[in-house]
PDB file of all heavy atoms in Angstrom:
ATOM      1  N   SER A   1     -59.197 -38.386  -0.885  1.00  0.00           N
ATOM      2  CA  SER A   1     -59.558 -37.908  -2.159  1.00  0.00           C
ATOM      3  C   SER A   1     -58.281 -37.955  -3.079  1.00  0.00           C
ATOM      4  O   SER A   1     -58.277 -38.246  -4.217  1.00  0.00           O
ATOM      5  CB  SER A   1     -60.211 -36.563  -2.249  1.00  0.00           C
ATOM      6  OG  SER A   1     -59.297 -35.565  -1.680  1.00  0.00           O
ATOM      7  N   VAL A   2     -57.151 -37.493  -2.459  1.00  0.00           N
ATOM      8  CA  VAL A   2     -55.822 -37.506  -3.273  1.00  0.00           C
ATOM      9  C   VAL A   2     -55.429 -38.938  -3.585  1.00  0.00           C
ATOM     10  O   VAL A   2     -55.072 -39.207  -4.707  1.00  0.00           O
ATOM     11  CB  VAL A   2     -54.816 -36.836  -2.470  1.00  0.00           C
ATOM     12  CG1 VAL A   2     -53.452 -37.007  -3.100  1.00  0.00           C
ATOM     13  CG2 VAL A   2     -55.038 -35.363  -2.321  1.00  0.00           C
ATOM     14  N   ALA A   3     -55.688 -39.810  -2.655  1.00  0.00           N
ATOM     15  CA  ALA A   3     -55.264 -41.234  -2.882  1.00  0.00           C
ATOM     16  C   ALA A   3     -56.206 -41.841  -3.996  1.00  0.00           C
ATOM     17  O   ALA A   3     -55.713 -42.559  -4.965  1.00  0.00           O
ATOM     18  CB  ALA A   3     -55.422 -41.988  -1.574  1.00  0.00           C
ATOM     19  N   SER A   4     -57.476 -41.566  -3.921  1.00  0.00           N
ATOM     20  CA  SER A   4     -58.354 -42.135  -4.966  1.00  0.00           C
ATOM     21  C   SER A   4     -58.060 -41.558  -6.315  1.00  0.00           C
ATOM     22  O   SER A   4     -58.126 -42.283  -7.356  1.00  0.00           O
ATOM     23  CB  SER A   4     -59.782 -41.864  -4.609  1.00  0.00           C
ATOM     24  OG  SER A   4     -60.187 -42.400  -3.328  1.00  0.00           O
ATOM     25  N   THR A   5     -57.799 -40.220  -6.486  1.00  0.00           N
ATOM     26  CA  THR A   5     -57.465 -39.540  -7.714  1.00  0.00           C
ATOM     27  C   THR A   5     -56.185 -40.172  -8.323  1.00  0.00           C
ATOM     28  O   THR A   5     -55.989 -40.468  -9.498  1.00  0.00           O
ATOM     29  CB  THR A   5     -57.442 -38.185  -7.609  1.00  0.00           C
ATOM     30  OG1 THR A   5     -58.616 -37.610  -7.071  1.00  0.00           O
ATOM     31  CG2 THR A   5     -57.088 -37.406  -8.919  1.00  0.00           C
ATOM     32  N   ALA A   6     -55.193 -40.367  -7.404  1.00  0.00           N
ATOM     33  CA  ALA A   6     -53.866 -40.903  -7.901  1.00  0.00           C
ATOM     34  C   ALA A   6     -54.042 -42.231  -8.501  1.00  0.00           C
ATOM     35  O   ALA A   6     -53.471 -42.662  -9.493  1.00  0.00           O
ATOM     36  CB  ALA A   6     -52.877 -40.845  -6.764  1.00  0.00           C
ATOM     37  N   ALA A   7     -54.887 -43.049  -7.784  1.00  0.00           N
ATOM     38  CA  ALA A   7     -55.052 -44.393  -8.240  1.00  0.00           C
ATOM     39  C   ALA A   7     -55.895 -44.383  -9.592  1.00  0.00           C
ATOM     40  O   ALA A   7     -55.521 -45.168 -10.475  1.00  0.00           O
ATOM     41  CB  ALA A   7     -55.908 -45.221  -7.226  1.00  0.00           C
ATOM     42  N   LEU A   8     -56.809 -43.532  -9.685  1.00  0.00           N
ATOM     43  CA  LEU A   8     -57.614 -43.469 -10.912  1.00  0.00           C
ATOM     44  C   LEU A   8     -56.665 -43.092 -12.104  1.00  0.00           C
ATOM     45  O   LEU A   8     -56.706 -43.626 -13.149  1.00  0.00           O
ATOM     46  CB  LEU A   8     -58.723 -42.439 -10.906  1.00  0.00           C
ATOM     47  CG  LEU A   8     -59.572 -42.216 -12.089  1.00  0.00           C
ATOM     48  CD1 LEU A   8     -60.127 -43.334 -12.594  1.00  0.00           C
ATOM     49  CD2 LEU A   8     -60.484 -41.035 -11.941  1.00  0.00           C
ATOM     50  N   LEU A   9     -55.820 -42.040 -11.900  1.00  0.00           N
ATOM     51  CA  LEU A   9     -54.934 -41.652 -13.015  1.00  0.00           C
ATOM     52  C   LEU A   9     -53.936 -42.738 -13.345  1.00  0.00           C
ATOM     53  O   LEU A   9     -53.500 -42.919 -14.433  1.00  0.00           O
ATOM     54  CB  LEU A   9     -54.172 -40.388 -12.531  1.00  0.00           C
ATOM     55  CG  LEU A   9     -55.145 -39.144 -12.489  1.00  0.00           C
ATOM     56  CD1 LEU A   9     -54.349 -38.044 -11.801  1.00  0.00           C
ATOM     57  CD2 LEU A   9     -55.701 -38.793 -13.700  1.00  0.00           C
ATOM     58  N   PHE A  10     -53.481 -43.505 -12.276  1.00  0.00           N
ATOM     59  CA  PHE A  10     -52.533 -44.609 -12.476  1.00  0.00           C
ATOM     60  C   PHE A  10     -53.189 -45.621 -13.377  1.00  0.00           C
ATOM     61  O   PHE A  10     -52.564 -46.114 -14.375  1.00  0.00           O
ATOM     62  CB  PHE A  10     -52.091 -45.152 -11.178  1.00  0.00           C
ATOM     63  CG  PHE A  10     -51.472 -46.524 -11.278  1.00  0.00           C
ATOM     64  CD1 PHE A  10     -50.112 -46.626 -11.767  1.00  0.00           C
ATOM     65  CD2 PHE A  10     -52.074 -47.610 -10.932  1.00  0.00           C
ATOM     66  CE1 PHE A  10     -49.483 -47.759 -11.810  1.00  0.00           C
ATOM     67  CE2 PHE A  10     -51.493 -48.885 -11.019  1.00  0.00           C
ATOM     68  CZ  PHE A  10     -50.071 -48.915 -11.485  1.00  0.00           C
ATOM     69  N   PHE A  11     -54.493 -45.997 -13.087  1.00  0.00           N
ATOM     70  CA  PHE A  11     -55.086 -47.049 -13.823  1.00  0.00           C
ATOM     71  C   PHE A  11     -55.454 -46.589 -15.273  1.00  0.00           C
ATOM     72  O   PHE A  11     -55.443 -47.327 -16.231  1.00  0.00           O
ATOM     73  CB  PHE A  11     -56.378 -47.543 -13.098  1.00  0.00           C
ATOM     74  CG  PHE A  11     -55.978 -48.396 -12.015  1.00  0.00           C
ATOM     75  CD1 PHE A  11     -56.423 -48.030 -10.622  1.00  0.00           C
ATOM     76  CD2 PHE A  11     -55.164 -49.575 -12.070  1.00  0.00           C
ATOM     77  CE1 PHE A  11     -56.055 -48.874  -9.591  1.00  0.00           C
ATOM     78  CE2 PHE A  11     -54.948 -50.335 -10.985  1.00  0.00           C
ATOM     79  CZ  PHE A  11     -55.415 -50.001  -9.706  1.00  0.00           C
ATOM     80  N   LEU A  12     -55.784 -45.261 -15.366  1.00  0.00           N
ATOM     81  CA  LEU A  12     -56.029 -44.721 -16.747  1.00  0.00           C
ATOM     82  C   LEU A  12     -54.779 -44.713 -17.571  1.00  0.00           C
ATOM     83  O   LEU A  12     -54.818 -44.965 -18.737  1.00  0.00           O
ATOM     84  CB  LEU A  12     -56.545 -43.257 -16.588  1.00  0.00           C
ATOM     85  CG  LEU A  12     -58.052 -43.079 -16.069  1.00  0.00           C
ATOM     86  CD1 LEU A  12     -58.340 -41.612 -15.931  1.00  0.00           C
ATOM     87  CD2 LEU A  12     -59.044 -43.698 -16.976  1.00  0.00           C
ATOM     88  N   GLY A  13     -53.630 -44.649 -16.810  1.00  0.00           N
ATOM     89  CA  GLY A  13     -52.266 -44.671 -17.592  1.00  0.00           C
ATOM     90  C   GLY A  13     -52.123 -46.153 -18.004  1.00  0.00           C
ATOM     91  O   GLY A  13     -51.570 -46.362 -19.129  1.00  0.00           O
ATOM     92  N   LEU A  14     -52.525 -47.147 -17.083  1.00  0.00           N
ATOM     93  CA  LEU A  14     -52.198 -48.537 -17.456  1.00  0.00           C
ATOM     94  C   LEU A  14     -53.015 -48.904 -18.707  1.00  0.00           C
ATOM     95  O   LEU A  14     -52.617 -49.776 -19.451  1.00  0.00           O
ATOM     96  CB  LEU A  14     -52.611 -49.448 -16.318  1.00  0.00           C
ATOM     97  CG  LEU A  14     -51.569 -49.628 -15.223  1.00  0.00           C
ATOM     98  CD1 LEU A  14     -52.185 -50.489 -14.179  1.00  0.00           C
ATOM     99  CD2 LEU A  14     -50.354 -50.222 -15.732  1.00  0.00           C
ATOM    100  N   ILE A  15     -54.296 -48.372 -18.890  1.00  0.00           N
ATOM    101  CA  ILE A  15     -55.069 -48.803 -20.111  1.00  0.00           C
ATOM    102  C   ILE A  15     -54.963 -47.813 -21.216  1.00  0.00           C
ATOM    103  O   ILE A  15     -55.736 -48.039 -22.196  1.00  0.00           O
ATOM    104  CB  ILE A  15     -56.605 -48.813 -19.598  1.00  0.00           C
ATOM    105  CG1 ILE A  15     -57.099 -47.387 -19.221  1.00  0.00           C
ATOM    106  CG2 ILE A  15     -56.809 -49.746 -18.427  1.00  0.00           C
ATOM    107  CD1 ILE A  15     -58.625 -47.361 -19.056  1.00  0.00           C
ATOM    108  N   SER A  16     -53.958 -46.932 -21.165  1.00  0.00           N
ATOM    109  CA  SER A  16     -53.810 -46.007 -22.258  1.00  0.00           C
ATOM    110  C   SER A  16     -53.439 -46.810 -23.498  1.00  0.00           C
ATOM    111  O   SER A  16     -52.852 -47.837 -23.558  1.00  0.00           O
ATOM    112  CB  SER A  16     -52.683 -45.014 -21.947  1.00  0.00           C
ATOM    113  OG  SER A  16     -51.401 -45.685 -21.710  1.00  0.00           O
ATOM    114  N   ARG A  17     -53.868 -46.150 -24.739  1.00  0.00           N
ATOM    115  CA  ARG A  17     -53.632 -46.874 -25.927  1.00  0.00           C
ATOM    116  C   ARG A  17     -52.191 -46.845 -26.412  1.00  0.00           C
ATOM    117  O   ARG A  17     -51.433 -46.089 -25.846  1.00  0.00           O
ATOM    118  CB  ARG A  17     -54.538 -46.230 -27.008  1.00  0.00           C
ATOM    119  CG  ARG A  17     -56.023 -46.301 -26.823  1.00  0.00           C
ATOM    120  CD  ARG A  17     -56.829 -45.580 -27.886  1.00  0.00           C
ATOM    121  NE  ARG A  17     -58.252 -45.787 -27.709  1.00  0.00           N
ATOM    122  CZ  ARG A  17     -59.008 -45.045 -26.942  1.00  0.00           C
ATOM    123  NH1 ARG A  17     -58.494 -43.998 -26.312  1.00  0.00           N
ATOM    124  NH2 ARG A  17     -60.314 -45.245 -26.928  1.00  0.00           N
ATOM    125  N   GLU A  18     -51.891 -47.614 -27.386  1.00  0.00           N
ATOM    126  CA  GLU A  18     -50.527 -47.701 -27.896  1.00  0.00           C
ATOM    127  C   GLU A  18     -50.121 -46.209 -28.386  1.00  0.00           C
ATOM    128  O   GLU A  18     -50.868 -45.598 -28.920  1.00  0.00           O
ATOM    129  CB  GLU A  18     -50.540 -48.665 -29.108  1.00  0.00           C
ATOM    130  CG  GLU A  18     -50.710 -50.115 -28.656  1.00  0.00           C
ATOM    131  CD  GLU A  18     -49.519 -50.604 -27.885  1.00  0.00           C
ATOM    132  OE1 GLU A  18     -48.391 -50.117 -27.971  1.00  0.00           O
ATOM    133  OE2 GLU A  18     -49.845 -51.596 -27.125  1.00  0.00           O
ATOM    134  N   GLY A  19     -48.941 -45.944 -28.113  1.00  0.00           N
ATOM    135  CA  GLY A  19     -48.391 -44.670 -28.547  1.00  0.00           C
ATOM    136  C   GLY A  19     -48.229 -43.686 -27.428  1.00  0.00           C
ATOM    137  O   GLY A  19     -47.525 -42.653 -27.541  1.00  0.00           O
ATOM    138  N   ALA A  20     -48.962 -43.937 -26.340  1.00  0.00           N
ATOM    139  CA  ALA A  20     -48.897 -43.091 -25.158  1.00  0.00           C
ATOM    140  C   ALA A  20     -47.553 -43.300 -24.499  1.00  0.00           C
ATOM    141  O   ALA A  20     -47.021 -44.452 -24.432  1.00  0.00           O
ATOM    142  CB  ALA A  20     -50.044 -43.359 -24.151  1.00  0.00           C
ATOM    143  N   THR A  21     -46.909 -42.217 -24.053  1.00  0.00           N
ATOM    144  CA  THR A  21     -45.586 -42.328 -23.357  1.00  0.00           C
ATOM    145  C   THR A  21     -45.742 -41.657 -21.998  1.00  0.00           C
ATOM    146  O   THR A  21     -46.602 -40.844 -21.781  1.00  0.00           O
ATOM    147  CB  THR A  21     -44.481 -41.501 -24.207  1.00  0.00           C
ATOM    148  OG1 THR A  21     -44.881 -40.164 -24.275  1.00  0.00           O
ATOM    149  CG2 THR A  21     -44.422 -42.102 -25.640  1.00  0.00           C
ATOM    150  N   PRO A  22     -44.901 -42.124 -21.087  1.00  0.00           N
ATOM    151  CA  PRO A  22     -44.995 -41.509 -19.708  1.00  0.00           C
ATOM    152  C   PRO A  22     -44.880 -40.023 -19.618  1.00  0.00           C
ATOM    153  O   PRO A  22     -45.610 -39.400 -18.979  1.00  0.00           O
ATOM    154  CB  PRO A  22     -43.801 -42.250 -18.956  1.00  0.00           C
ATOM    155  CG  PRO A  22     -43.675 -43.539 -19.691  1.00  0.00           C
ATOM    156  CD  PRO A  22     -43.930 -43.149 -21.109  1.00  0.00           C
ATOM    157  N   PRO A  23     -43.925 -39.358 -20.357  1.00  0.00           N
ATOM    158  CA  PRO A  23     -43.760 -37.969 -20.315  1.00  0.00           C
ATOM    159  C   PRO A  23     -45.037 -37.248 -20.881  1.00  0.00           C
ATOM    160  O   PRO A  23     -45.515 -36.231 -20.302  1.00  0.00           O
ATOM    161  CB  PRO A  23     -42.536 -37.630 -21.234  1.00  0.00           C
ATOM    162  CG  PRO A  23     -41.688 -38.825 -21.214  1.00  0.00           C
ATOM    163  CD  PRO A  23     -42.757 -40.011 -21.171  1.00  0.00           C
ATOM    164  N   ALA A  24     -45.610 -37.766 -21.986  1.00  0.00           N
ATOM    165  CA  ALA A  24     -46.826 -37.181 -22.521  1.00  0.00           C
ATOM    166  C   ALA A  24     -47.982 -37.328 -21.514  1.00  0.00           C
ATOM    167  O   ALA A  24     -48.755 -36.317 -21.400  1.00  0.00           O
ATOM    168  CB  ALA A  24     -47.213 -37.841 -23.859  1.00  0.00           C
ATOM    169  N   ALA A  25     -48.092 -38.420 -20.887  1.00  0.00           N
ATOM    170  CA  ALA A  25     -49.195 -38.576 -19.930  1.00  0.00           C
ATOM    171  C   ALA A  25     -49.044 -37.602 -18.778  1.00  0.00           C
ATOM    172  O   ALA A  25     -49.969 -36.970 -18.245  1.00  0.00           O
ATOM    173  CB  ALA A  25     -49.245 -40.079 -19.382  1.00  0.00           C
ATOM    174  N   ALA A  26     -47.807 -37.542 -18.237  1.00  0.00           N
ATOM    175  CA  ALA A  26     -47.573 -36.620 -17.162  1.00  0.00           C
ATOM    176  C   ALA A  26     -47.797 -35.135 -17.506  1.00  0.00           C
ATOM    177  O   ALA A  26     -48.390 -34.332 -16.827  1.00  0.00           O
ATOM    178  CB  ALA A  26     -46.066 -36.798 -16.631  1.00  0.00           C
ATOM    179  N   ALA A  27     -47.332 -34.796 -18.836  1.00  0.00           N
ATOM    180  CA  ALA A  27     -47.588 -33.470 -19.292  1.00  0.00           C
ATOM    181  C   ALA A  27     -49.106 -33.140 -19.343  1.00  0.00           C
ATOM    182  O   ALA A  27     -49.532 -32.009 -18.997  1.00  0.00           O
ATOM    183  CB  ALA A  27     -46.887 -33.236 -20.676  1.00  0.00           C
ATOM    184  N   ALA A  28     -49.900 -34.087 -19.901  1.00  0.00           N
ATOM    185  CA  ALA A  28     -51.322 -33.895 -19.958  1.00  0.00           C
ATOM    186  C   ALA A  28     -51.938 -33.649 -18.647  1.00  0.00           C
ATOM    187  O   ALA A  28     -52.837 -32.803 -18.417  1.00  0.00           O
ATOM    188  CB  ALA A  28     -51.957 -34.995 -20.770  1.00  0.00           C
ATOM    189  N   THR A  29     -51.536 -34.503 -17.717  1.00  0.00           N
ATOM    190  CA  THR A  29     -52.019 -34.353 -16.345  1.00  0.00           C
ATOM    191  C   THR A  29     -51.636 -33.070 -15.669  1.00  0.00           C
ATOM    192  O   THR A  29     -52.474 -32.337 -15.051  1.00  0.00           O
ATOM    193  CB  THR A  29     -51.464 -35.553 -15.528  1.00  0.00           C
ATOM    194  OG1 THR A  29     -51.830 -36.796 -16.065  1.00  0.00           O
ATOM    195  CG2 THR A  29     -52.067 -35.465 -14.009  1.00  0.00           C
ATOM    196  N   LEU A  30     -50.401 -32.668 -15.832  1.00  0.00           N
ATOM    197  CA  LEU A  30     -49.928 -31.297 -15.381  1.00  0.00           C
ATOM    198  C   LEU A  30     -50.690 -30.132 -16.019  1.00  0.00           C
ATOM    199  O   LEU A  30     -51.052 -29.175 -15.362  1.00  0.00           O
ATOM    200  CB  LEU A  30     -48.457 -31.153 -15.537  1.00  0.00           C
ATOM    201  CG  LEU A  30     -47.553 -31.846 -14.555  1.00  0.00           C
ATOM    202  CD1 LEU A  30     -46.089 -31.621 -14.904  1.00  0.00           C
ATOM    203  CD2 LEU A  30     -47.811 -31.306 -13.083  1.00  0.00           C
ATOM    204  N   ALA A  31     -50.993 -30.300 -17.339  1.00  0.00           N
ATOM    205  CA  ALA A  31     -51.741 -29.298 -17.909  1.00  0.00           C
ATOM    206  C   ALA A  31     -53.110 -29.119 -17.339  1.00  0.00           C
ATOM    207  O   ALA A  31     -53.601 -27.995 -17.116  1.00  0.00           O
ATOM    208  CB  ALA A  31     -51.746 -29.495 -19.495  1.00  0.00           C
ATOM    209  N   GLY A  32     -53.779 -30.194 -17.145  1.00  0.00           N
ATOM    210  CA  GLY A  32     -55.117 -30.200 -16.632  1.00  0.00           C
ATOM    211  C   GLY A  32     -55.112 -29.586 -15.219  1.00  0.00           C
ATOM    212  O   GLY A  32     -55.891 -28.753 -14.809  1.00  0.00           O
ATOM    213  N   CYS A  33     -54.087 -29.989 -14.339  1.00  0.00           N
ATOM    214  CA  CYS A  33     -53.970 -29.443 -13.099  1.00  0.00           C
ATOM    215  C   CYS A  33     -53.691 -27.953 -13.085  1.00  0.00           C
ATOM    216  O   CYS A  33     -54.257 -27.167 -12.217  1.00  0.00           O
ATOM    217  CB  CYS A  33     -52.889 -30.230 -12.299  1.00  0.00           C
ATOM    218  SG  CYS A  33     -53.306 -31.928 -11.948  1.00  0.00           S
ATOM    219  N   GLY A  34     -52.818 -27.540 -14.065  1.00  0.00           N
ATOM    220  CA  GLY A  34     -52.380 -26.124 -14.096  1.00  0.00           C
ATOM    221  C   GLY A  34     -53.611 -25.282 -14.500  1.00  0.00           C
ATOM    222  O   GLY A  34     -53.831 -24.149 -13.850  1.00  0.00           O
ATOM    223  N   PHE A  35     -54.455 -25.726 -15.426  1.00  0.00           N
ATOM    224  CA  PHE A  35     -55.581 -24.930 -15.771  1.00  0.00           C
ATOM    225  C   PHE A  35     -56.527 -24.913 -14.506  1.00  0.00           C
ATOM    226  O   PHE A  35     -57.213 -23.872 -14.246  1.00  0.00           O
ATOM    227  CB  PHE A  35     -56.319 -25.600 -16.917  1.00  0.00           C
ATOM    228  CG  PHE A  35     -57.668 -24.973 -17.256  1.00  0.00           C
ATOM    229  CD1 PHE A  35     -57.809 -23.687 -17.738  1.00  0.00           C
ATOM    230  CD2 PHE A  35     -58.805 -25.640 -17.035  1.00  0.00           C
ATOM    231  CE1 PHE A  35     -58.999 -23.075 -18.065  1.00  0.00           C
ATOM    232  CE2 PHE A  35     -60.145 -25.099 -17.267  1.00  0.00           C
ATOM    233  CZ  PHE A  35     -60.108 -23.774 -17.808  1.00  0.00           C
ATOM    234  N   SER A  36     -56.704 -26.010 -13.841  1.00  0.00           N
ATOM    235  CA  SER A  36     -57.601 -26.018 -12.679  1.00  0.00           C
ATOM    236  C   SER A  36     -57.097 -25.004 -11.543  1.00  0.00           C
ATOM    237  O   SER A  36     -57.909 -24.388 -10.866  1.00  0.00           O
ATOM    238  CB  SER A  36     -57.577 -27.442 -12.086  1.00  0.00           C
ATOM    239  OG  SER A  36     -58.577 -27.471 -11.127  1.00  0.00           O
ATOM    240  N   ILE A  37     -55.681 -24.889 -11.372  1.00  0.00           N
ATOM    241  CA  ILE A  37     -55.233 -23.991 -10.417  1.00  0.00           C
ATOM    242  C   ILE A  37     -55.518 -22.540 -10.855  1.00  0.00           C
ATOM    243  O   ILE A  37     -55.869 -21.746 -10.022  1.00  0.00           O
ATOM    244  CB  ILE A  37     -53.648 -24.134 -10.318  1.00  0.00           C
ATOM    245  CG1 ILE A  37     -53.423 -25.553  -9.577  1.00  0.00           C
ATOM    246  CG2 ILE A  37     -53.007 -23.068  -9.430  1.00  0.00           C
ATOM    247  CD1 ILE A  37     -51.867 -25.947  -9.603  1.00  0.00           C
ATOM    248  N   VAL A  38     -55.450 -22.328 -12.145  1.00  0.00           N
ATOM    249  CA  VAL A  38     -55.836 -20.943 -12.673  1.00  0.00           C
ATOM    250  C   VAL A  38     -57.303 -20.675 -12.361  1.00  0.00           C
ATOM    251  O   VAL A  38     -57.612 -19.552 -11.977  1.00  0.00           O
ATOM    252  CB  VAL A  38     -55.500 -20.841 -14.225  1.00  0.00           C
ATOM    253  CG1 VAL A  38     -56.073 -19.525 -14.764  1.00  0.00           C
ATOM    254  CG2 VAL A  38     -54.035 -20.933 -14.382  1.00  0.00           C
TER     255      VAL A  38
END
């Protein structure tokens, strides 16, 4: 499940629209994970 999710997030990053930056994508991902941990 970890491998599948990492692949999905990777491909979602690949198809991200113009203007998306790696730090912003990582921050959004961490924010979603952080809320889920809470």
